C-alpha atoms as a PDB file:
ATOM      1  CA  MET A   1       0.098   0.119  -0.003  1.00  0.00           C
ATOM      2  CA  ARG A   2       1.501   3.182  -1.002  1.00  0.00           C
ATOM      3  CA  ARG A   3       1.873   6.213   1.243  1.00  0.00           C
ATOM      4  CA  TYR A   4       1.645   9.760  -0.031  1.00  0.00           C
ATOM      5  CA  LEU A   5       3.529  12.710   1.522  1.00  0.00           C
ATOM      6  CA  ASP A   6       1.513  15.455   2.619  1.00  0.00           C
ATOM      7  CA  MET A   7       3.370  18.567   1.107  1.00  0.00           C
ATOM      8  CA  ALA A   8       1.179  20.984   2.650  1.00  0.00           C
ATOM      9  CA  LEU A   9       2.469  19.738   6.101  1.00  0.00           C
ATOM     10  CA  LEU A  10       5.944  19.907   5.179  1.00  0.00           C
ATOM     11  CA  ALA A  11       5.915  23.468   3.402  1.00  0.00           C
ATOM     12  CA  ARG A  12       5.875  25.429   6.771  1.00  0.00           C
ATOM     13  CA  PRO A  13       8.807  23.506   8.388  1.00  0.00           C
ATOM     14  CA  LEU A  14      10.696  23.918   5.128  1.00  0.00           C
ATOM     15  CA  ARG A  15      10.067  27.643   4.914  1.00  0.00           C
ATOM     16  CA  ASP A  16      11.170  27.953   8.584  1.00  0.00           C
ATOM     17  CA  ALA A  17      14.421  26.007   7.883  1.00  0.00           C
ATOM     18  CA  LEU A  18      15.124  28.029   4.868  1.00  0.00           C
ATOM     19  CA  GLY A  19      14.492  31.283   6.814  1.00  0.00           C
ATOM     20  CA  ALA A  20      16.799  30.145   9.388  1.00  0.00           C
ATOM     21  CA  LEU A  21      19.564  29.439   6.700  1.00  0.00           C
ATOM     22  CA  PHE A  22      19.103  32.765   5.238  1.00  0.00           C
ATOM     23  CA  LEU A  23      19.321  34.396   8.696  1.00  0.00           C
ATOM     24  CA  ALA A  24      22.377  32.517   9.564  1.00  0.00           C
ATOM     25  CA  VAL A  25      24.032  33.340   6.140  1.00  0.00           C
ATOM     26  CA  GLY A  26      23.174  37.011   6.595  1.00  0.00           C
ATOM     27  CA  MET A  27      24.498  37.161  10.078  1.00  0.00           C
ATOM     28  CA  VAL A  28      27.772  35.612   8.904  1.00  0.00           C
ATOM     29  CA  VAL A  29      27.967  38.073   5.948  1.00  0.00           C
ATOM     30  CA  GLY A  30      27.008  40.992   8.033  1.00  0.00           C
ATOM     31  CA  GLY A  31      29.483  40.103  10.764  1.00  0.00           C
ATOM     32  CA  GLY A  32      32.176  40.180   8.005  1.00  0.00           C
ATOM     33  CA  TYR A  33      31.262  43.691   7.021  1.00  0.00           C
ATOM     34  CA  TYR A  34      30.988  44.761  10.500  1.00  0.00           C
ATOM     35  CA  ARG A  35      34.470  43.431  11.388  1.00  0.00           C
ATOM     36  CA  ALA A  36      35.757  45.051   8.272  1.00  0.00           C
ATOM     37  CA  ASP A  37      34.274  48.331   9.060  1.00  0.00           C
ATOM     38  CA  LYS A  38      35.557  48.319  12.550  1.00  0.00           C
ATOM     39  CA  SER A  39      38.986  47.424  11.427  1.00  0.00           C
ATOM     40  CA  ALA A  40      39.035  50.418   9.063  1.00  0.00           C
ATOM     41  CA  ALA A  41      37.812  52.867  11.644  1.00  0.00           C
ATOM     42  CA  LEU A  42      40.501  51.465  14.069  1.00  0.00           C
ATOM     43  CA  GLU A  43      43.322  51.932  11.485  1.00  0.00           C
ATOM     44  CA  LEU A  44      42.045  55.422  10.718  1.00  0.00           C
ATOM     45  CA  ALA A  45      42.063  56.128  14.342  1.00  0.00           C
ATOM     46  CA  ARG A  46      45.487  54.949  14.804  1.00  0.00           C
ATOM     47  CA  THR A  47      46.729  56.782  11.911  1.00  0.00           C
ATOM     48  CA  GLY A  48      45.299  60.042  13.244  1.00  0.00           C
ATOM     49  CA  PHE A  49      46.666  59.375  16.696  1.00  0.00           C
ATOM     50  CA  GLU A  50      50.123  58.970  15.211  1.00  0.00           C
ATOM     51  CA  ALA A  51      49.906  62.048  13.277  1.00  0.00           C
ATOM     52  CA  LEU A  52      48.810  63.938  16.377  1.00  0.00           C
ATOM     53  CA  ASN A  53      51.547  62.334  18.209  1.00  0.00           C
ATOM     54  CA  GLY A  54      54.047  63.660  15.662  1.00  0.00           C
ATOM     55  CA  GLU A  55      52.733  67.094  15.777  1.00  0.00           C
ATOM     56  CA  TYR A  56      52.795  67.177  19.613  1.00  0.00           C
ATOM     57  CA  ARG A  57      56.354  65.939  19.416  1.00  0.00           C
ATOM     58  CA  ALA A  58      57.380  68.695  16.731  1.00  0.00           C
ATOM     59  CA  VAL A  59      55.728  71.329  19.117  1.00  0.00           C
ATOM     60  CA  LEU A  60      57.753  70.182  21.923  1.00  0.00           C
ATOM     61  CA  ARG A  61      60.935  70.054  19.951  1.00  0.00           C
ATOM     62  CA  ALA A  62      60.372  73.704  18.563  1.00  0.00           C
ATOM     63  CA  GLN A  63      59.592  74.784  22.403  1.00  0.00           C
ATOM     64  CA  ARG A  64      62.967  73.233  23.263  1.00  0.00           C
ATOM     65  CA  ILE A  65      64.800  75.011  20.508  1.00  0.00           C
ATOM     66  CA  PHE A  66      63.026  78.190  21.267  1.00  0.00           C
ATOM     67  CA  ARG A  67      64.037  77.980  24.935  1.00  0.00           C
ATOM     68  CA  ASP A  68      67.495  77.045  24.361  1.00  0.00           C
ATOM     69  CA  GLU A  69      68.177  79.693  21.693  1.00  0.00           C
ATOM     70  CA  TYR A  70      66.428  82.434  23.682  1.00  0.00           C
ATOM     71  CA  ASN A  71      68.436  81.501  26.779  1.00  0.00           C
ATOM     72  CA  ALA A  72      71.659  81.822  24.493  1.00  0.00           C
ATOM     73  CA  TYR A  73      70.361  85.168  23.130  1.00  0.00           C
ATOM     74  CA  GLN A  74      69.720  86.453  26.626  1.00  0.00           C
ATOM     75  CA  ALA A  75      73.267  85.418  27.754  1.00  0.00           C
ATOM     76  CA  LEU A  76      74.947  87.241  24.772  1.00  0.00           C
ATOM     77  CA  GLU A  77      72.671  90.298  25.434  1.00  0.00           C
ATOM     78  CA  ALA A  78      73.734  90.367  29.206  1.00  0.00           C
ATOM     79  CA  GLY A  79      77.303  89.695  28.327  1.00  0.00           C
ATOM     80  CA  GLY A  80      77.441  93.060  26.070  1.00  0.00           C
ATOM     81  CA  PHE A  81      77.554  91.252  22.730  1.00  0.00           C
ATOM     82  CA  ILE A  82      74.072  91.972  21.617  1.00  0.00           C
ATOM     83  CA  GLY A  83      72.981  95.721  21.702  1.00  0.00           C
ATOM     84  CA  PRO A  84      74.913  99.020  21.878  1.00  0.00           C
ATOM     85  CA  GLU A  85      78.598  98.946  22.527  1.00  0.00           C
ATOM     86  CA  ASP A  86      79.640  99.384  26.087  1.00  0.00           C
ATOM     87  CA  ARG A  87      82.936 100.816  25.787  1.00  0.00           C
ATOM     88  CA  LEU A  88      82.947 102.158  29.546  1.00  0.00           C
ATOM     89  CA  HIS A  89      82.614  98.522  30.645  1.00  0.00           C
ATOM     90  CA  TRP A  90      85.446  97.518  28.283  1.00  0.00           C
ATOM     91  CA  VAL A  91      87.794 100.227  29.712  1.00  0.00           C
ATOM     92  CA  GLU A  92      86.959  99.508  33.135  1.00  0.00           C
ATOM     93  CA  GLY A  93      87.776  95.836  32.486  1.00  0.00           C
ATOM     94  CA  LEU A  94      91.274  96.951  31.049  1.00  0.00           C
ATOM     95  CA  ARG A  95      91.757  99.265  34.076  1.00  0.00           C
ATOM     96  CA  ASP A  96      90.999  96.545  36.566  1.00  0.00           C
ATOM     97  CA  SER A  97      93.378  94.109  34.789  1.00  0.00           C
ATOM     98  CA  VAL A  98      96.198  96.705  34.646  1.00  0.00           C
ATOM     99  CA  ARG A  99      95.710  97.555  38.530  1.00  0.00           C
ATOM    100  CA  LYS A 100      96.538  93.857  39.129  1.00  0.00           C
ATOM    101  CA  LEU A 101      99.779  93.878  37.227  1.00  0.00           C
ATOM    102  CA  GLU A 102     103.090  95.690  38.013  1.00  0.00           C
ATOM    103  CA  VAL A 103     102.531  98.068  35.052  1.00  0.00           C
ATOM    104  CA  SER A 104     104.481 101.333  35.101  1.00  0.00           C
ATOM    105  CA  SER A 105     102.011 102.905  32.537  1.00  0.00           C
ATOM    106  CA  ALA A 106      99.452 102.082  30.061  1.00  0.00           C
ATOM    107  CA  HIS A 107      97.589 103.926  27.210  1.00  0.00           C
ATOM    108  CA  TYR A 108      94.683 102.830  25.169  1.00  0.00           C
ATOM    109  CA  HIS A 109      92.896 104.232  22.071  1.00  0.00           C
ATOM    110  CA  ILE A 110      89.473 103.086  20.707  1.00  0.00           C
ATOM    111  CA  ASP A 111      88.709 103.769  17.237  1.00  0.00           C
ATOM    112  CA  GLU A 112      84.991 104.763  16.154  1.00  0.00           C
ATOM    113  CA  ASN A 113      82.574 101.784  16.049  1.00  0.00           C
ATOM    114  CA  ARG A 114      81.871 100.699  12.510  1.00  0.00           C
ATOM    115  CA  PRO A 115      80.107  98.051  10.715  1.00  0.00           C
ATOM    116  CA  THR A 116      81.940  94.817   9.722  1.00  0.00           C
ATOM    117  CA  PHE A 117      81.028  91.584   7.628  1.00  0.00           C
ATOM    118  CA  LEU A 118      82.184  88.054   8.044  1.00  0.00           C
ATOM    119  CA  ALA A 119      83.694  86.272   5.122  1.00  0.00           C
ATOM    120  CA  GLY A 120      80.974  85.517   2.663  1.00  0.00           C
ATOM    121  CA  GLU A 121      78.207  87.549   4.537  1.00  0.00           C
ATOM    122  CA  GLN A 122      76.013  89.576   2.498  1.00  0.00           C
ATOM    123  CA  PRO A 123      74.834  93.044   3.668  1.00  0.00           C
ATOM    124  CA  GLY A 124      71.108  93.693   4.347  1.00  0.00           C
ATOM    125  CA  GLY A 125      70.489  91.139   7.018  1.00  0.00           C
ATOM    126  CA  ALA A 126      68.145  91.596  10.109  1.00  0.00           C
ATOM    127  CA  PHE A 127      71.255  92.162  12.325  1.00  0.00           C
ATOM    128  CA  GLN A 128      74.535  93.945  11.614  1.00  0.00           C
ATOM    129  CA  LEU A 129      77.811  93.034  13.252  1.00  0.00           C
ATOM    130  CA  TYR A 130      79.825  96.029  14.347  1.00  0.00           C
ATOM    131  CA  VAL A 131      83.630  96.244  15.402  1.00  0.00           C
ATOM    132  CA  SER A 132      85.338  98.641  17.713  1.00  0.00           C
ATOM    133  CA  PRO A 133      89.238  98.443  17.108  1.00  0.00           C
ATOM    134  CA  MET A 134      91.349  99.047  20.247  1.00  0.00           C
ATOM    135  CA  GLY A 135      94.948  99.676  20.641  1.00  0.00           C
ATOM    136  CA  ILE A 136      96.556  99.391  23.963  1.00  0.00           C
ATOM    137  CA  THR A 137     100.306  99.954  25.042  1.00  0.00           C
ATOM    138  CA  LEU A 138     101.704  98.433  28.291  1.00  0.00           C
ATOM    139  CA  ASP A 139     105.008  99.032  29.886  1.00  0.00           C
ATOM    140  CA  LEU A 140     105.893  95.851  31.709  1.00  0.00           C
ATOM    141  CA  LEU A 141     108.594  94.545  34.030  1.00  0.00           C
ATOM    142  CA  HIS A 142     109.071  91.532  31.878  1.00  0.00           C
ATOM    143  CA  GLU A 143     107.557  89.514  29.021  1.00  0.00           C
ATOM    144  CA  GLY A 144     105.342  87.275  31.279  1.00  0.00           C
ATOM    145  CA  GLY A 145     103.262  90.470  32.279  1.00  0.00           C
ATOM    146  CA  LEU A 146     101.767  90.336  28.894  1.00  0.00           C
ATOM    147  CA  PHE A 147     100.342  86.898  29.307  1.00  0.00           C
ATOM    148  CA  ASP A 148      99.139  87.642  32.768  1.00  0.00           C
ATOM    149  CA  PHE A 149      97.371  90.801  31.473  1.00  0.00           C
ATOM    150  CA  LEU A 150      95.581  88.663  28.776  1.00  0.00           C
ATOM    151  CA  THR A 151      94.703  85.988  31.238  1.00  0.00           C
ATOM    152  CA  LEU A 152      93.105  88.608  33.741  1.00  0.00           C
ATOM    153  CA  LEU A 153      91.283  90.218  30.684  1.00  0.00           C
ATOM    154  CA  ALA A 154      89.881  86.819  29.635  1.00  0.00           C
ATOM    155  CA  ARG A 155      88.506  86.087  33.275  1.00  0.00           C
ATOM    156  CA  GLN A 156      86.288  89.146  33.098  1.00  0.00           C
ATOM    157  CA  ASP A 157      82.854  89.356  31.309  1.00  0.00           C
ATOM    158  CA  LEU A 158      83.803  91.849  28.745  1.00  0.00           C
ATOM    159  CA  GLY A 159      81.680  90.618  25.770  1.00  0.00           C
ATOM    160  CA  VAL A 160      83.169  89.202  22.476  1.00  0.00           C
ATOM    161  CA  TYR A 161      86.583  90.271  21.483  1.00  0.00           C
ATOM    162  CA  GLN A 162      89.611  89.200  19.489  1.00  0.00           C
ATOM    163  CA  VAL A 163      93.232  89.817  20.202  1.00  0.00           C
ATOM    164  CA  ARG A 164      94.343  90.831  16.775  1.00  0.00           C
ATOM    165  CA  GLN A 165      98.184  91.001  17.601  1.00  0.00           C
ATOM    166  CA  CYS A 166     100.656  91.812  20.270  1.00  0.00           C
ATOM    167  CA  VAL A 167     104.072  92.904  19.666  1.00  0.00           C
ATOM    168  CA  LEU A 168     106.885  93.105  22.511  1.00  0.00           C
ATOM    169  CA  THR A 169     109.686  95.422  22.176  1.00  0.00           C
ATOM    170  CA  PRO A 170     112.455  96.569  24.603  1.00  0.00           C
ATOM    171  CA  VAL A 171     111.721  99.749  26.453  1.00  0.00           C
ATOM    172  CA  ASP A 172     115.296 101.243  26.205  1.00  0.00           C
ATOM    173  CA  GLY A 173     115.935  99.722  22.936  1.00  0.00           C
ATOM    174  CA  GLU A 174     119.154  97.823  24.280  1.00  0.00           C
ATOM    175  CA  GLY A 175     117.501  94.945  25.796  1.00  0.00           C
ATOM    176  CA  GLU A 176     119.308  95.328  29.276  1.00  0.00           C
ATOM    177  CA  LEU A 177     116.894  94.263  32.135  1.00  0.00           C
ATOM    178  CA  LYS A 178     116.595  96.702  35.098  1.00  0.00           C
ATOM    179  CA  ALA A 179     115.217  95.881  38.495  1.00  0.00           C
ATOM    180  CA  ARG A 180     111.785  97.160  39.151  1.00  0.00           C
ATOM    181  CA  GLN A 181     111.601  99.212  36.172  1.00  0.00           C
ATOM    182  CA  PRO A 182     109.695  98.719  33.037  1.00  0.00           C
ATOM    183  CA  ASN A 183     111.734  96.515  30.509  1.00  0.00           C
ATOM    184  CA  VAL A 184     109.415  95.511  27.773  1.00  0.00           C
ATOM    185  CA  ARG A 185     106.553  97.336  26.016  1.00  0.00           C
ATOM    186  CA  ALA A 186     103.636  95.507  24.689  1.00  0.00           C
ATOM    187  CA  ARG A 187     101.551  97.026  21.927  1.00  0.00           C
ATOM    188  CA  CYS A 188      98.340  95.017  21.410  1.00  0.00           C
ATOM    189  CA  GLU A 189      95.375  95.384  18.976  1.00  0.00           C
ATOM    190  CA  PHE A 190      91.827  94.211  20.126  1.00  0.00           C
ATOM    191  CA  TRP A 191      88.705  94.176  17.884  1.00  0.00           C
ATOM    192  CA  TRP A 192      85.596  94.452  20.360  1.00  0.00           C
ATOM    193  CA  TYR A 193      82.459  93.206  18.465  1.00  0.00           C
ATOM    194  CA  THR A 194      78.680  93.947  18.911  1.00  0.00           C
ATOM    195  CA  LEU A 195      75.593  92.996  17.305  1.00  0.00           C
ATOM    196  CA  ARG A 196      72.594  95.168  16.575  1.00  0.00           C
ATOM    197  CA  PRO A 197      69.536  95.306  14.475  1.00  0.00           C
ATOM    198  CA  GLY A 198      70.534  96.227  10.973  1.00  0.00           C
ATOM    199  CA  GLY A 199      70.565  99.949  10.098  1.00  0.00           C
ATOM    200  CA  GLY A 200      71.151 100.884  13.566  1.00  0.00           C
ATOM    201  CA  GLN A 201      73.353 103.929  14.291  1.00  0.00           C
ATOM    202  CA  GLY A 202      77.069 103.526  14.950  1.00  0.00           C
ATOM    203  CA  GLY A 203      78.719 103.828  18.348  1.00  0.00           C
ATOM    204  CA  ALA A 204      80.802 106.646  19.979  1.00  0.00           C
ATOM    205  CA  ALA A 205      83.686 108.226  18.077  1.00  0.00           C
ATOM    206  CA  GLY A 206      87.207 107.286  18.787  1.00  0.00           C
ATOM    207  CA  ASP A 207      88.808 108.282  22.222  1.00  0.00           C
ATOM    208  CA  ASP A 208      92.024 107.562  24.123  1.00  0.00           C
ATOM    209  CA  GLU A 209      93.302 107.633  27.610  1.00  0.00           C
ATOM    210  CA  GLU A 210      96.485 107.076  29.527  1.00  0.00           C
ATOM    211  CA  TRP A 211      96.950 106.036  33.141  1.00  0.00           C
ATOM    212  CA  ALA A 212      99.535 104.526  35.648  1.00  0.00           C
ATOM    213  CA  GLY A 213      99.305 101.192  36.812  1.00  0.00           C
END
């Protein structure tokens, strides 16, 4: 005896099974898109964070450079290199060094402050370098007095200067040493430097003075 399947009874369970299958497939596919979307968002956030972190580090580096450069600028300004020439301070430094030595007499002359340029430098910058040439003559007991004088001068805060040359000659022209009298004469040339905004006015005119040690 044959048995016939009632398709009407199987239709609903079949539809339910197919619906569950489609739902499962949809969840799998949707989950993949969800993960991909979240991964892309995470990568974008990480890239943005790295860029922001780089900018922050750049700001810190710029602040550190500015602080260091500004501190150096202030030190040069306080030392007399940046700003108007302070020849009174220079002369006082010379006098103080001479007083500490056995110097019979001393004479100095400062020329007029004038613009100068470094090798390869082009005019027209924001700052202009100036030079004040100075000559000094010292009557010393012996040659070592010159080195003592330069050492004392270097220990003082007298800005930026250059010893261009120093020449030693006998005082009497014969080279005979005398006790407690000047035996050698030192003639030195210094260049004192100052830095000021371009177009600034020059310093004072030349002057000279002589004093005893």
